[in-house]
Amino acid sequence: SAAKDRKIDSNEGKTQTIGWQSLLTFTILSLAWLVGFASRLFAVIRFESIIHEFDPWFNYRSTHHLVTHGFYNFLNWFDERAWYPLGRIVGGTVYPGLMLTSATIHWVLNTLHVTVHIRDVCVFL
């Protein structure tokens, strides 16, 4: 009986340790997310919601084209503004993960009747 009680106490201790580790991991990840979001939000509050540099601007234009014209047209899109004066076939020359993620977030928010411009999704992503 005393051995069973020690075993039960040992299992309870392991369960509590795992619980505290999970809580600590969740807290650290939540704080890291909050700091990352706050750093993005600080720039938006201080300077307004604006896209800087050329690569993010191209990603925004690509995402806007994807949202406006659909995935099939995005894959076959010839962008005459990129690599001017030659242009660029976008569908075969980009990794569309960022654009698809932004478009999906935009679609989900609009489905939930949360009106948000695709630019704002791209700025915060």
N, C-alpha and C. Protein backbone atom coordinates (compact mmCIF):
# COMPACT_ATOMS: atom_id res chain seq x y z
N SER A 1 0.82 -1.19 0.00
CA SER A 1 0.00 0.00 0.00
C SER A 1 0.87 1.26 0.00
N ALA A 2 1.94 1.25 0.77
CA ALA A 2 2.84 2.41 0.82
C ALA A 2 3.56 2.59 -0.51
N ALA A 3 3.89 1.47 -1.18
CA ALA A 3 4.54 1.55 -2.50
C ALA A 3 3.58 2.13 -3.53
N LYS A 4 2.29 1.73 -3.43
CA LYS A 4 1.29 2.29 -4.36
C LYS A 4 1.14 3.79 -4.15
N ASP A 5 1.13 4.22 -2.89
CA ASP A 5 0.99 5.65 -2.60
C ASP A 5 2.17 6.44 -3.15
N ARG A 6 3.39 5.87 -3.02
CA ARG A 6 4.57 6.54 -3.58
C ARG A 6 4.48 6.64 -5.09
N LYS A 7 3.97 5.56 -5.73
CA LYS A 7 3.85 5.55 -7.18
C LYS A 7 2.83 6.57 -7.65
N ILE A 8 1.71 6.66 -6.94
CA ILE A 8 0.68 7.65 -7.27
C ILE A 8 1.24 9.05 -7.09
N ASP A 9 1.94 9.29 -5.97
CA ASP A 9 2.54 10.61 -5.74
C ASP A 9 3.56 10.95 -6.82
N SER A 10 4.33 9.97 -7.28
CA SER A 10 5.31 10.18 -8.34
C SER A 10 4.64 10.55 -9.64
N ASN A 11 3.54 9.86 -9.98
CA ASN A 11 2.80 10.17 -11.21
C ASN A 11 2.17 11.56 -11.15
N GLU A 12 1.65 11.94 -9.97
CA GLU A 12 1.08 13.27 -9.83
C GLU A 12 2.15 14.35 -9.99
N GLY A 13 3.34 14.09 -9.49
CA GLY A 13 4.44 15.03 -9.63
C GLY A 13 4.85 15.21 -11.08
N LYS A 14 4.88 14.09 -11.83
CA LYS A 14 5.22 14.18 -13.26
C LYS A 14 4.15 14.93 -14.02
N THR A 15 2.88 14.69 -13.66
CA THR A 15 1.78 15.38 -14.34
C THR A 15 1.84 16.88 -14.07
N GLN A 16 2.14 17.25 -12.83
CA GLN A 16 2.25 18.67 -12.50
C GLN A 16 3.43 19.31 -13.22
N THR A 17 4.56 18.58 -13.32
CA THR A 17 5.73 19.11 -14.01
C THR A 17 5.42 19.32 -15.48
N ILE A 18 4.76 18.37 -16.12
CA ILE A 18 4.39 18.50 -17.53
C ILE A 18 3.42 19.67 -17.71
N GLY A 19 2.51 19.84 -16.77
CA GLY A 19 1.56 20.95 -16.83
C GLY A 19 2.26 22.29 -16.75
N TRP A 20 3.22 22.41 -15.83
CA TRP A 20 3.96 23.66 -15.70
C TRP A 20 4.82 23.93 -16.93
N GLN A 21 5.42 22.88 -17.49
CA GLN A 21 6.23 23.05 -18.70
C GLN A 21 5.36 23.51 -19.87
N SER A 22 4.17 22.93 -19.99
CA SER A 22 3.26 23.33 -21.06
C SER A 22 2.82 24.79 -20.88
N LEU A 23 2.51 25.15 -19.64
CA LEU A 23 2.10 26.53 -19.37
C LEU A 23 3.24 27.51 -19.65
N LEU A 24 4.45 27.13 -19.26
CA LEU A 24 5.61 27.99 -19.52
C LEU A 24 5.88 28.13 -21.02
N THR A 25 5.80 27.02 -21.75
CA THR A 25 6.00 27.06 -23.21
C THR A 25 4.94 27.93 -23.87
N PHE A 26 3.68 27.75 -23.48
CA PHE A 26 2.59 28.56 -24.05
C PHE A 26 2.80 30.04 -23.73
N THR A 27 3.20 30.35 -22.50
CA THR A 27 3.42 31.74 -22.11
C THR A 27 4.55 32.37 -22.92
N ILE A 28 5.65 31.66 -23.07
CA ILE A 28 6.79 32.19 -23.82
C ILE A 28 6.43 32.41 -25.29
N LEU A 29 5.75 31.45 -25.90
CA LEU A 29 5.35 31.60 -27.30
C LEU A 29 4.34 32.73 -27.48
N SER A 30 3.43 32.87 -26.53
CA SER A 30 2.46 33.97 -26.59
C SER A 30 3.15 35.33 -26.48
N LEU A 31 4.10 35.43 -25.56
CA LEU A 31 4.84 36.68 -25.43
C LEU A 31 5.67 37.00 -26.67
N ALA A 32 6.28 35.96 -27.27
CA ALA A 32 7.05 36.18 -28.50
C ALA A 32 6.13 36.66 -29.62
N TRP A 33 4.94 36.07 -29.73
CA TRP A 33 3.98 36.52 -30.75
C TRP A 33 3.56 37.96 -30.47
N LEU A 34 3.29 38.27 -29.22
CA LEU A 34 2.85 39.61 -28.86
C LEU A 34 3.93 40.65 -29.16
N VAL A 35 5.19 40.34 -28.87
CA VAL A 35 6.29 41.27 -29.16
C VAL A 35 6.43 41.46 -30.67
N GLY A 36 6.33 40.39 -31.45
CA GLY A 36 6.40 40.50 -32.91
C GLY A 36 5.27 41.33 -33.48
N PHE A 37 4.05 41.08 -33.00
CA PHE A 37 2.91 41.85 -33.48
C PHE A 37 3.02 43.31 -33.06
N ALA A 38 3.48 43.55 -31.84
CA ALA A 38 3.62 44.93 -31.36
C ALA A 38 4.67 45.69 -32.17
N SER A 39 5.74 45.01 -32.57
CA SER A 39 6.76 45.70 -33.36
C SER A 39 6.21 46.07 -34.74
N ARG A 40 5.36 45.23 -35.32
CA ARG A 40 4.71 45.58 -36.58
C ARG A 40 3.70 46.70 -36.37
N LEU A 41 2.95 46.63 -35.28
CA LEU A 41 1.94 47.63 -35.00
C LEU A 41 2.57 48.99 -34.70
N PHE A 42 3.73 49.00 -34.06
CA PHE A 42 4.41 50.27 -33.76
C PHE A 42 4.71 51.03 -35.04
N ALA A 43 5.22 50.33 -36.06
CA ALA A 43 5.52 51.00 -37.33
C ALA A 43 4.25 51.53 -37.99
N VAL A 44 3.16 50.77 -37.89
CA VAL A 44 1.90 51.21 -38.49
C VAL A 44 1.35 52.42 -37.75
N ILE A 45 1.43 52.42 -36.43
CA ILE A 45 0.92 53.56 -35.66
C ILE A 45 1.78 54.80 -35.90
N ARG A 46 3.08 54.61 -35.97
CA ARG A 46 3.97 55.77 -36.11
C ARG A 46 3.99 56.32 -37.54
N PHE A 47 4.03 55.44 -38.54
CA PHE A 47 4.22 55.91 -39.91
C PHE A 47 3.02 55.66 -40.82
N GLU A 48 1.99 55.02 -40.38
CA GLU A 48 0.79 54.59 -41.10
C GLU A 48 1.04 53.25 -41.78
N SER A 49 -0.02 52.67 -42.29
CA SER A 49 0.04 51.35 -42.93
C SER A 49 0.60 51.52 -44.35
N ILE A 50 1.88 51.31 -44.48
CA ILE A 50 2.54 51.53 -45.76
C ILE A 50 3.53 50.41 -46.03
N ILE A 51 3.71 50.09 -47.29
CA ILE A 51 4.64 49.05 -47.69
C ILE A 51 5.92 49.73 -48.17
N HIS A 52 7.06 49.32 -47.60
CA HIS A 52 8.35 49.88 -47.96
C HIS A 52 9.10 48.90 -48.87
N GLU A 53 10.02 49.41 -49.64
CA GLU A 53 10.93 48.63 -50.49
C GLU A 53 10.19 47.97 -51.66
N PHE A 54 10.95 47.26 -52.48
CA PHE A 54 10.42 46.75 -53.75
C PHE A 54 9.85 45.35 -53.64
N ASP A 55 10.53 44.42 -52.96
CA ASP A 55 10.02 43.05 -52.86
C ASP A 55 8.66 42.98 -52.17
N PRO A 56 8.47 43.64 -51.02
CA PRO A 56 7.12 43.61 -50.42
C PRO A 56 6.07 44.25 -51.32
N TRP A 57 6.46 45.25 -52.10
CA TRP A 57 5.50 45.89 -53.00
C TRP A 57 5.10 44.91 -54.10
N PHE A 58 6.06 44.15 -54.63
CA PHE A 58 5.74 43.13 -55.62
C PHE A 58 4.85 42.05 -55.02
N ASN A 59 5.15 41.64 -53.78
CA ASN A 59 4.31 40.63 -53.12
C ASN A 59 2.89 41.15 -52.92
N TYR A 60 2.76 42.42 -52.57
CA TYR A 60 1.42 43.01 -52.43
C TYR A 60 0.69 43.01 -53.77
N ARG A 61 1.37 43.46 -54.81
CA ARG A 61 0.71 43.49 -56.13
C ARG A 61 0.31 42.09 -56.58
N SER A 62 1.18 41.12 -56.32
CA SER A 62 0.87 39.74 -56.69
C SER A 62 -0.32 39.22 -55.90
N THR A 63 -0.36 39.53 -54.61
CA THR A 63 -1.48 39.09 -53.78
C THR A 63 -2.77 39.77 -54.22
N HIS A 64 -2.68 41.06 -54.52
CA HIS A 64 -3.86 41.78 -55.00
C HIS A 64 -4.38 41.16 -56.30
N HIS A 65 -3.48 40.81 -57.20
CA HIS A 65 -3.88 40.17 -58.45
C HIS A 65 -4.53 38.81 -58.17
N LEU A 66 -3.96 38.06 -57.23
CA LEU A 66 -4.51 36.76 -56.86
C LEU A 66 -5.92 36.90 -56.30
N VAL A 67 -6.13 37.86 -55.40
CA VAL A 67 -7.44 38.06 -54.79
C VAL A 67 -8.45 38.56 -55.83
N THR A 68 -8.01 39.44 -56.71
CA THR A 68 -8.92 40.05 -57.68
C THR A 68 -9.28 39.10 -58.82
N HIS A 69 -8.30 38.35 -59.33
CA HIS A 69 -8.51 37.57 -60.55
C HIS A 69 -8.55 36.06 -60.35
N GLY A 70 -8.22 35.57 -59.17
CA GLY A 70 -8.28 34.14 -58.90
C GLY A 70 -6.95 33.44 -59.10
N PHE A 71 -6.88 32.20 -58.62
CA PHE A 71 -5.63 31.46 -58.61
C PHE A 71 -5.16 31.07 -60.00
N TYR A 72 -6.06 30.63 -60.86
CA TYR A 72 -5.67 30.22 -62.20
C TYR A 72 -5.07 31.38 -62.99
N ASN A 73 -5.72 32.53 -62.93
CA ASN A 73 -5.18 33.72 -63.62
C ASN A 73 -3.89 34.20 -62.99
N PHE A 74 -3.73 33.98 -61.68
CA PHE A 74 -2.47 34.34 -61.01
C PHE A 74 -1.33 33.49 -61.55
N LEU A 75 -1.57 32.20 -61.75
CA LEU A 75 -0.51 31.32 -62.26
C LEU A 75 -0.12 31.66 -63.69
N ASN A 76 -1.04 32.22 -64.46
CA ASN A 76 -0.77 32.57 -65.85
C ASN A 76 -0.55 34.07 -66.06
N TRP A 77 -0.32 34.80 -65.00
CA TRP A 77 -0.22 36.25 -65.07
C TRP A 77 1.15 36.67 -65.59
N PHE A 78 1.15 37.52 -66.59
CA PHE A 78 2.37 38.15 -67.10
C PHE A 78 2.38 39.57 -66.57
N ASP A 79 3.33 39.85 -65.69
CA ASP A 79 3.42 41.17 -65.06
C ASP A 79 4.37 42.04 -65.87
N GLU A 80 3.80 43.02 -66.55
CA GLU A 80 4.62 43.90 -67.39
C GLU A 80 5.37 44.94 -66.58
N ARG A 81 5.03 45.14 -65.30
CA ARG A 81 5.72 46.12 -64.47
C ARG A 81 6.98 45.55 -63.81
N ALA A 82 7.03 44.25 -63.64
CA ALA A 82 8.20 43.63 -63.01
C ALA A 82 9.28 43.44 -64.07
N TRP A 83 10.52 43.62 -63.67
CA TRP A 83 11.67 43.46 -64.55
C TRP A 83 11.49 44.29 -65.83
N TYR A 84 11.00 45.52 -65.66
CA TYR A 84 10.74 46.41 -66.79
C TYR A 84 12.01 46.62 -67.60
N PRO A 85 12.01 46.61 -68.89
CA PRO A 85 10.93 46.57 -69.85
C PRO A 85 10.57 45.15 -70.31
N LEU A 86 11.23 44.14 -69.77
CA LEU A 86 10.99 42.78 -70.25
C LEU A 86 9.69 42.18 -69.73
N GLY A 87 9.35 42.44 -68.49
CA GLY A 87 8.19 41.82 -67.87
C GLY A 87 8.57 40.48 -67.25
N ARG A 88 7.59 39.83 -66.67
CA ARG A 88 7.85 38.59 -65.96
C ARG A 88 6.61 37.71 -65.94
N ILE A 89 6.79 36.44 -66.19
CA ILE A 89 5.70 35.47 -66.02
C ILE A 89 5.70 35.10 -64.54
N VAL A 90 4.71 35.56 -63.82
CA VAL A 90 4.73 35.46 -62.37
C VAL A 90 4.49 34.03 -61.90
N GLY A 91 3.52 33.35 -62.46
CA GLY A 91 3.13 32.04 -61.96
C GLY A 91 4.26 31.03 -61.90
N GLY A 92 5.17 31.06 -62.85
CA GLY A 92 6.25 30.09 -62.87
C GLY A 92 7.53 30.54 -62.21
N THR A 93 7.56 31.78 -61.72
CA THR A 93 8.83 32.31 -61.19
C THR A 93 8.76 32.76 -59.73
N VAL A 94 7.65 32.50 -59.05
CA VAL A 94 7.55 32.89 -57.64
C VAL A 94 7.21 31.68 -56.79
N TYR A 95 7.54 31.82 -55.50
CA TYR A 95 7.05 30.87 -54.50
C TYR A 95 5.79 31.50 -53.91
N PRO A 96 4.62 30.95 -54.21
CA PRO A 96 3.37 31.66 -53.88
C PRO A 96 2.89 31.49 -52.45
N GLY A 97 3.71 30.98 -51.54
CA GLY A 97 3.25 30.73 -50.18
C GLY A 97 2.77 31.97 -49.46
N LEU A 98 3.52 33.05 -49.54
CA LEU A 98 3.13 34.30 -48.88
C LEU A 98 1.85 34.86 -49.49
N MET A 99 1.76 34.82 -50.82
CA MET A 99 0.57 35.35 -51.48
C MET A 99 -0.68 34.52 -51.14
N LEU A 100 -0.52 33.20 -51.14
CA LEU A 100 -1.65 32.32 -50.82
C LEU A 100 -2.08 32.49 -49.36
N THR A 101 -1.12 32.65 -48.47
CA THR A 101 -1.45 32.86 -47.05
C THR A 101 -2.20 34.17 -46.87
N SER A 102 -1.72 35.23 -47.49
CA SER A 102 -2.39 36.53 -47.38
C SER A 102 -3.79 36.47 -47.99
N ALA A 103 -3.91 35.85 -49.15
CA ALA A 103 -5.21 35.75 -49.81
C ALA A 103 -6.18 34.91 -48.98
N THR A 104 -5.69 33.85 -48.34
CA THR A 104 -6.55 33.02 -47.51
C THR A 104 -7.02 33.78 -46.28
N ILE A 105 -6.12 34.51 -45.63
CA ILE A 105 -6.52 35.31 -44.47
C ILE A 105 -7.53 36.37 -44.89
N HIS A 106 -7.31 37.01 -46.03
CA HIS A 106 -8.25 38.01 -46.54
C HIS A 106 -9.61 37.38 -46.82
N TRP A 107 -9.62 36.20 -47.43
CA TRP A 107 -10.87 35.51 -47.74
C TRP A 107 -11.61 35.13 -46.47
N VAL A 108 -10.89 34.59 -45.46
CA VAL A 108 -11.53 34.20 -44.20
C VAL A 108 -12.13 35.41 -43.52
N LEU A 109 -11.39 36.51 -43.45
CA LEU A 109 -11.91 37.71 -42.80
C LEU A 109 -13.13 38.26 -43.53
N ASN A 110 -13.10 38.27 -44.87
CA ASN A 110 -14.27 38.75 -45.61
C ASN A 110 -15.45 37.80 -45.48
N THR A 111 -15.19 36.50 -45.37
CA THR A 111 -16.27 35.54 -45.15
C THR A 111 -16.94 35.78 -43.80
N LEU A 112 -16.15 36.19 -42.81
CA LEU A 112 -16.69 36.51 -41.48
C LEU A 112 -17.22 37.94 -41.40
N HIS A 113 -17.31 38.62 -42.55
CA HIS A 113 -17.81 40.00 -42.65
C HIS A 113 -16.94 40.99 -41.90
N VAL A 114 -15.64 40.72 -41.88
CA VAL A 114 -14.67 41.67 -41.34
C VAL A 114 -14.00 42.30 -42.56
N THR A 115 -14.40 43.53 -42.88
CA THR A 115 -13.90 44.20 -44.06
C THR A 115 -12.49 44.70 -43.81
N VAL A 116 -11.56 44.19 -44.59
CA VAL A 116 -10.16 44.58 -44.46
C VAL A 116 -9.56 44.62 -45.87
N HIS A 117 -8.73 45.61 -46.12
CA HIS A 117 -8.08 45.71 -47.43
C HIS A 117 -6.92 44.74 -47.49
N ILE A 118 -6.66 44.21 -48.65
CA ILE A 118 -5.59 43.23 -48.81
C ILE A 118 -4.23 43.83 -48.45
N ARG A 119 -4.07 45.12 -48.63
CA ARG A 119 -2.82 45.78 -48.25
C ARG A 119 -2.55 45.65 -46.76
N ASP A 120 -3.61 45.82 -45.95
CA ASP A 120 -3.44 45.71 -44.50
C ASP A 120 -3.08 44.30 -44.08
N VAL A 121 -3.64 43.30 -44.76
CA VAL A 121 -3.26 41.92 -44.47
C VAL A 121 -1.79 41.71 -44.81
N CYS A 122 -1.35 42.24 -45.95
CA CYS A 122 0.05 42.09 -46.35
C CYS A 122 1.00 42.83 -45.40
N VAL A 123 0.61 43.99 -44.91
CA VAL A 123 1.46 44.76 -43.99
C VAL A 123 1.64 44.00 -42.68
N PHE A 124 0.58 43.42 -42.16
CA PHE A 124 0.67 42.74 -40.87
C PHE A 124 1.22 41.33 -40.97
N LEU A 125 1.20 40.77 -42.17
CA LEU A 125 1.76 39.41 -42.32
C LEU A 125 3.23 39.52 -42.52
